[in-house]
């Protein structure tokens, strides 16, 4: 099949969850012999010079990227208040990007146009005009739900009111836009059910984030620092920032009191100056690490203390594949087919979180069993090759 993959940010290098999810699918589909062309928005926040990408990746994907300034502008945000449009979506529209899309659609015939997320969905009408390809939304999450959760956490009443307005408009757009797609490939079963409940009656199926089993997922326990805990994730993503701050302010003190020698390692790109300068006992700020897999394998208990966000946490699946024992919230584990205290540990308040980590420290057998079961789950349920084969079968049925 010939597939045009339209991305809301350049998916390579795969350094954060969204990029990893997009790139793994690209690689999986091309490995199966299908042609995938990547057209991406290039934003200031995630800017990539595509000419500096590896030649084999550029050749394989024929990637093109168009810069769109998606930064929030106070004047634009203010004027948007007097409309009924979603400012979240508006920021991703560009006439230059539209022209590039038209040129591609005129020059090549595609079987499928795969939209990676809602933020590139405003180009559906243009795709319809210039192509007979089936248009599929690959839904990474329910977008308005992320903003809804952010509004609930906002303490400033003015900010909360504004976030509620953004949520309301985004929800209206998201539900309305659903009916413009030929099919939806959701990443979680929960999201699939949500779309069906919202009235989507066309083809829909769940295709979770997949891992490449050709890579090494052997956990080298000889190099593992136990006990230790760690978090790794993009630290310019608001849910990660909120979650880490909550952990440091509400959980870490309890753990340090009970386990004074325990160390907490914090890794991730775009770490704020405040976190880089953080002075807390036994908290080590690693910042961006060169090899995420090696970092994960070198540490003990993985924590994912998310209080907001949506979709599936890519880093949890990768951690599971590396045999890590993970303590996370119900929001963090959302969309993952886990069993609490079997292959993942769920903890939703500070006391539960501290107790879960303490149990892993004091009971090494329990800790090892959770990690072993996590790896079995990841390799069974999230094999990228199997997921891509199912996706192509789904596409052919359209």
Foldseek 3Di string as FASTA:
>chain_A
DEEEEEEAAALPPPAADLSLLVVLLLVLQVVVVYQYAYEYEAEPVRHDDVVPPDPVVCVRHVYDYDYFHLDDDPVVLVVCVPDLAQNNQVSLDDPVSLVVVLVVLQVDAGQEYEYAADSPLVSLVSCVVRYPHAYEYAHQWLVLQQLVLVLVVDPDPVVSVSSVSNSVSSNVCVLVSLVSGQEYAYQFPVVQVVNVVSPRDHHYDYQHRFDAPVDDLEQPLVLADPPEEEEEHAPVDVQQVVQVVCCVVQAPVVQCVVPVVYAYEYEHEPHDPCVVPDDDRRYHYPYHDPDPSVVLSNYAEYEDEGSGDTGAHPVLLSSLLNLHAYEYACRHHPRAPDDDLQQYHHDNHNVRRNVVSVCCRVPVVSRNRNSVRSSVSSVVPRHSNVSSVVVVVSSVVD
